[in-house]
Structures are given as C-alpha cells and as structure tokens.
C-alpha cells in the first residue's frame, strides 16, 4: 500500500488535482545576463585556479552556480568578492557548462 492509497483511505471525499509540474533541474531561476562571464586562469602559490567573474545578478544566484560547478567537476572552490574560484584548470569544461546553461562566456588569458 503506497502513500496515495493511504491518503484515499483517510480522505475518501478528496479528489486530487492534476498538476502540470515538470521537474526541470536545469532551470533554477538563475538570472541570465547579456554581458559575458569572464573565465580566467591564474596560478596562486604554484597551483592553478580558474576564476569566473562578471555576473551582475544576485549573489545568491551566483552562489548556486558556484555550487553546481563544484559538484559537476568534483573539485573544491569558493565564492569570494563576486568571483567563483575553482581549484584547477577547468576553463573548457566550465565554459561548455555555462554555454549549456545559456550564459555567454569569454576566455581571458592563455
């Protein structure tokens, strides 16, 4: 007996409404901008990092994007001073991921 059967037993007069809810995990309500995001490569203390900057939306949206990038790549990183810092040189993967999300990207340096 699943949950819907149990609910029917508890509330026999209730008729459930059909919802047109689609589970689209790509659309998280992140604000898209016209200007491209800048994807930079740097070395700090001898280790490579990738920096994404230039987002003009809310900080909370940019933090969500940072978390998605870190989980997709399986690496560490942080969000500081309106920049996403990813450990390692993943410019190509990050740029393709952002293009799939609908952002314009621009490669800066090297």
C-alpha atoms as a PDB file:
ATOM      1  CA  UNK A   1       0.000   0.000   0.000  1.00  0.00           C
ATOM      2  CA  UNK A   2       1.595   3.238  -1.109  1.00  0.00           C
ATOM      3  CA  UNK A   3       1.056   6.756   0.157  1.00  0.00           C
ATOM      4  CA  UNK A   4      -1.687   7.656  -2.313  1.00  0.00           C
ATOM      5  CA  UNK A   5      -3.768   4.632  -1.237  1.00  0.00           C
ATOM      6  CA  UNK A   6      -3.334   5.566   2.409  1.00  0.00           C
ATOM      7  CA  UNK A   7      -4.447   9.126   1.694  1.00  0.00           C
ATOM      8  CA  UNK A   8      -7.519   7.841  -0.164  1.00  0.00           C
ATOM      9  CA  UNK A   9      -8.458   5.775   2.890  1.00  0.00           C
ATOM     10  CA  UNK A  10      -8.048   8.771   5.194  1.00  0.00           C
ATOM     11  CA  UNK A  11      -9.815  11.274   2.920  1.00  0.00           C
ATOM     12  CA  UNK A  12     -12.321   9.409   0.706  1.00  0.00           C
ATOM     13  CA  UNK A  13     -14.108  12.592  -0.489  1.00  0.00           C
ATOM     14  CA  UNK A  14     -10.954  14.335  -1.707  1.00  0.00           C
ATOM     15  CA  UNK A  15     -10.145  14.306  -5.413  1.00  0.00           C
ATOM     16  CA  UNK A  16      -6.506  15.170  -6.134  1.00  0.00           C
ATOM     17  CA  UNK A  17      -5.795  17.860  -8.699  1.00  0.00           C
ATOM     18  CA  UNK A  18      -3.581  17.025 -11.626  1.00  0.00           C
ATOM     19  CA  UNK A  19      -0.548  19.278 -11.526  1.00  0.00           C
ATOM     20  CA  UNK A  20       1.458  20.197 -14.576  1.00  0.00           C
ATOM     21  CA  UNK A  21       4.637  20.350 -12.531  1.00  0.00           C
ATOM     22  CA  UNK A  22       7.686  19.394 -14.539  1.00  0.00           C
ATOM     23  CA  UNK A  23      10.856  18.518 -12.708  1.00  0.00           C
ATOM     24  CA  UNK A  24      13.404  20.530 -14.649  1.00  0.00           C
ATOM     25  CA  UNK A  25      16.589  20.641 -12.609  1.00  0.00           C
ATOM     26  CA  UNK A  26      18.376  22.905 -15.087  1.00  0.00           C
ATOM     27  CA  UNK A  27      16.051  25.850 -14.544  1.00  0.00           C
ATOM     28  CA  UNK A  28      16.730  27.073 -11.025  1.00  0.00           C
ATOM     29  CA  UNK A  29      15.557  30.628 -11.642  1.00  0.00           C
ATOM     30  CA  UNK A  30      19.061  31.998 -12.158  1.00  0.00           C
ATOM     31  CA  UNK A  31      19.059  35.415 -13.755  1.00  0.00           C
ATOM     32  CA  UNK A  32      20.618  35.436 -17.220  1.00  0.00           C
ATOM     33  CA  UNK A  33      22.594  38.459 -18.319  1.00  0.00           C
ATOM     34  CA  UNK A  34      23.568  39.937 -21.652  1.00  0.00           C
ATOM     35  CA  UNK A  35      27.249  40.552 -20.832  1.00  0.00           C
ATOM     36  CA  UNK A  36      29.571  37.540 -20.998  1.00  0.00           C
ATOM     37  CA  UNK A  37      31.050  35.912 -17.923  1.00  0.00           C
ATOM     38  CA  UNK A  38      34.840  36.138 -17.836  1.00  0.00           C
ATOM     39  CA  UNK A  39      36.704  32.864 -17.353  1.00  0.00           C
ATOM     40  CA  UNK A  40      40.306  33.439 -16.220  1.00  0.00           C
ATOM     41  CA  UNK A  41      43.225  31.154 -15.452  1.00  0.00           C
ATOM     42  CA  UNK A  42      45.759  32.038 -12.760  1.00  0.00           C
ATOM     43  CA  UNK A  43      48.373  30.391 -10.613  1.00  0.00           C
ATOM     44  CA  UNK A  44      48.379  31.144  -6.914  1.00  0.00           C
ATOM     45  CA  UNK A  45      51.119  29.705  -4.745  1.00  0.00           C
ATOM     46  CA  UNK A  46      52.134  27.496  -7.664  1.00  0.00           C
ATOM     47  CA  UNK A  47      48.707  25.881  -8.046  1.00  0.00           C
ATOM     48  CA  UNK A  48      46.325  26.508 -10.959  1.00  0.00           C
ATOM     49  CA  UNK A  49      42.895  28.048 -10.375  1.00  0.00           C
ATOM     50  CA  UNK A  50      40.044  29.102 -12.621  1.00  0.00           C
ATOM     51  CA  UNK A  51      38.188  32.328 -11.841  1.00  0.00           C
ATOM     52  CA  UNK A  52      34.711  33.182 -13.129  1.00  0.00           C
ATOM     53  CA  UNK A  53      33.633  36.786 -12.734  1.00  0.00           C
ATOM     54  CA  UNK A  54      31.417  39.408 -14.318  1.00  0.00           C
ATOM     55  CA  UNK A  55      27.990  38.277 -13.058  1.00  0.00           C
ATOM     56  CA  UNK A  56      25.681  41.220 -12.436  1.00  0.00           C
ATOM     57  CA  UNK A  57      22.778  39.354 -10.831  1.00  0.00           C
ATOM     58  CA  UNK A  58      22.116  38.487  -7.201  1.00  0.00           C
ATOM     59  CA  UNK A  59      24.885  36.964  -5.097  1.00  0.00           C
ATOM     60  CA  UNK A  60      22.628  34.069  -4.100  1.00  0.00           C
ATOM     61  CA  UNK A  61      22.207  33.076  -7.778  1.00  0.00           C
ATOM     62  CA  UNK A  62      25.965  33.208  -8.297  1.00  0.00           C
ATOM     63  CA  UNK A  63      26.487  31.024  -5.210  1.00  0.00           C
ATOM     64  CA  UNK A  64      24.061  28.452  -6.624  1.00  0.00           C
ATOM     65  CA  UNK A  65      26.015  28.483  -9.874  1.00  0.00           C
ATOM     66  CA  UNK A  66      29.283  28.028  -7.937  1.00  0.00           C
ATOM     67  CA  UNK A  67      27.884  25.012  -6.126  1.00  0.00           C
ATOM     68  CA  UNK A  68      26.695  23.449  -9.390  1.00  0.00           C
ATOM     69  CA  UNK A  69      30.124  23.927 -10.959  1.00  0.00           C
ATOM     70  CA  UNK A  70      31.950  22.419  -7.989  1.00  0.00           C
ATOM     71  CA  UNK A  71      29.701  19.356  -7.863  1.00  0.00           C
ATOM     72  CA  UNK A  72      29.850  18.866 -11.638  1.00  0.00           C
ATOM     73  CA  UNK A  73      33.648  18.984 -11.656  1.00  0.00           C
ATOM     74  CA  UNK A  74      34.127  17.230  -8.323  1.00  0.00           C
ATOM     75  CA  UNK A  75      36.647  19.801  -7.126  1.00  0.00           C
ATOM     76  CA  UNK A  76      36.918  22.396  -4.401  1.00  0.00           C
ATOM     77  CA  UNK A  77      36.378  26.069  -4.760  1.00  0.00           C
ATOM     78  CA  UNK A  78      34.884  29.126  -3.164  1.00  0.00           C
ATOM     79  CA  UNK A  79      32.811  32.229  -3.753  1.00  0.00           C
ATOM     80  CA  UNK A  80      34.567  35.444  -2.720  1.00  0.00           C
ATOM     81  CA  UNK A  81      34.077  39.084  -3.672  1.00  0.00           C
ATOM     82  CA  UNK A  82      31.670  38.351  -6.543  1.00  0.00           C
ATOM     83  CA  UNK A  83      34.050  35.775  -8.064  1.00  0.00           C
ATOM     84  CA  UNK A  84      33.857  31.995  -8.287  1.00  0.00           C
ATOM     85  CA  UNK A  85      37.242  30.403  -7.649  1.00  0.00           C
ATOM     86  CA  UNK A  86      37.612  26.782  -8.801  1.00  0.00           C
ATOM     87  CA  UNK A  87      40.704  24.730  -7.949  1.00  0.00           C
ATOM     88  CA  UNK A  88      42.410  23.531 -11.120  1.00  0.00           C
ATOM     89  CA  UNK A  89      42.405  24.483 -14.796  1.00  0.00           C
ATOM     90  CA  UNK A  90      38.893  23.597 -15.987  1.00  0.00           C
ATOM     91  CA  UNK A  91      38.223  26.521 -18.341  1.00  0.00           C
ATOM     92  CA  UNK A  92      36.996  24.402 -21.251  1.00  0.00           C
ATOM     93  CA  UNK A  93      34.600  22.317 -19.141  1.00  0.00           C
ATOM     94  CA  UNK A  94      33.307  25.360 -17.271  1.00  0.00           C
ATOM     95  CA  UNK A  95      32.758  27.348 -20.458  1.00  0.00           C
ATOM     96  CA  UNK A  96      30.826  24.491 -22.108  1.00  0.00           C
ATOM     97  CA  UNK A  97      28.732  24.041 -18.931  1.00  0.00           C
ATOM     98  CA  UNK A  98      27.896  27.755 -18.812  1.00  0.00           C
ATOM     99  CA  UNK A  99      27.002  27.788 -22.524  1.00  0.00           C
ATOM    100  CA  UNK A 100      24.631  24.865 -21.942  1.00  0.00           C
ATOM    101  CA  UNK A 101      23.011  26.883 -19.127  1.00  0.00           C
ATOM    102  CA  UNK A 102      22.523  29.809 -21.530  1.00  0.00           C
ATOM    103  CA  UNK A 103      25.310  32.143 -20.433  1.00  0.00           C
ATOM    104  CA  UNK A 104      27.743  33.859 -22.768  1.00  0.00           C
ATOM    105  CA  UNK A 105      31.356  33.285 -21.812  1.00  0.00           C
ATOM    106  CA  UNK A 106      34.627  34.917 -22.705  1.00  0.00           C
ATOM    107  CA  UNK A 107      38.029  33.298 -22.238  1.00  0.00           C
ATOM    108  CA  UNK A 108      40.600  35.654 -20.725  1.00  0.00           C
ATOM    109  CA  UNK A 109      44.322  34.859 -20.815  1.00  0.00           C
ATOM    110  CA  UNK A 110      46.130  31.924 -22.423  1.00  0.00           C
END
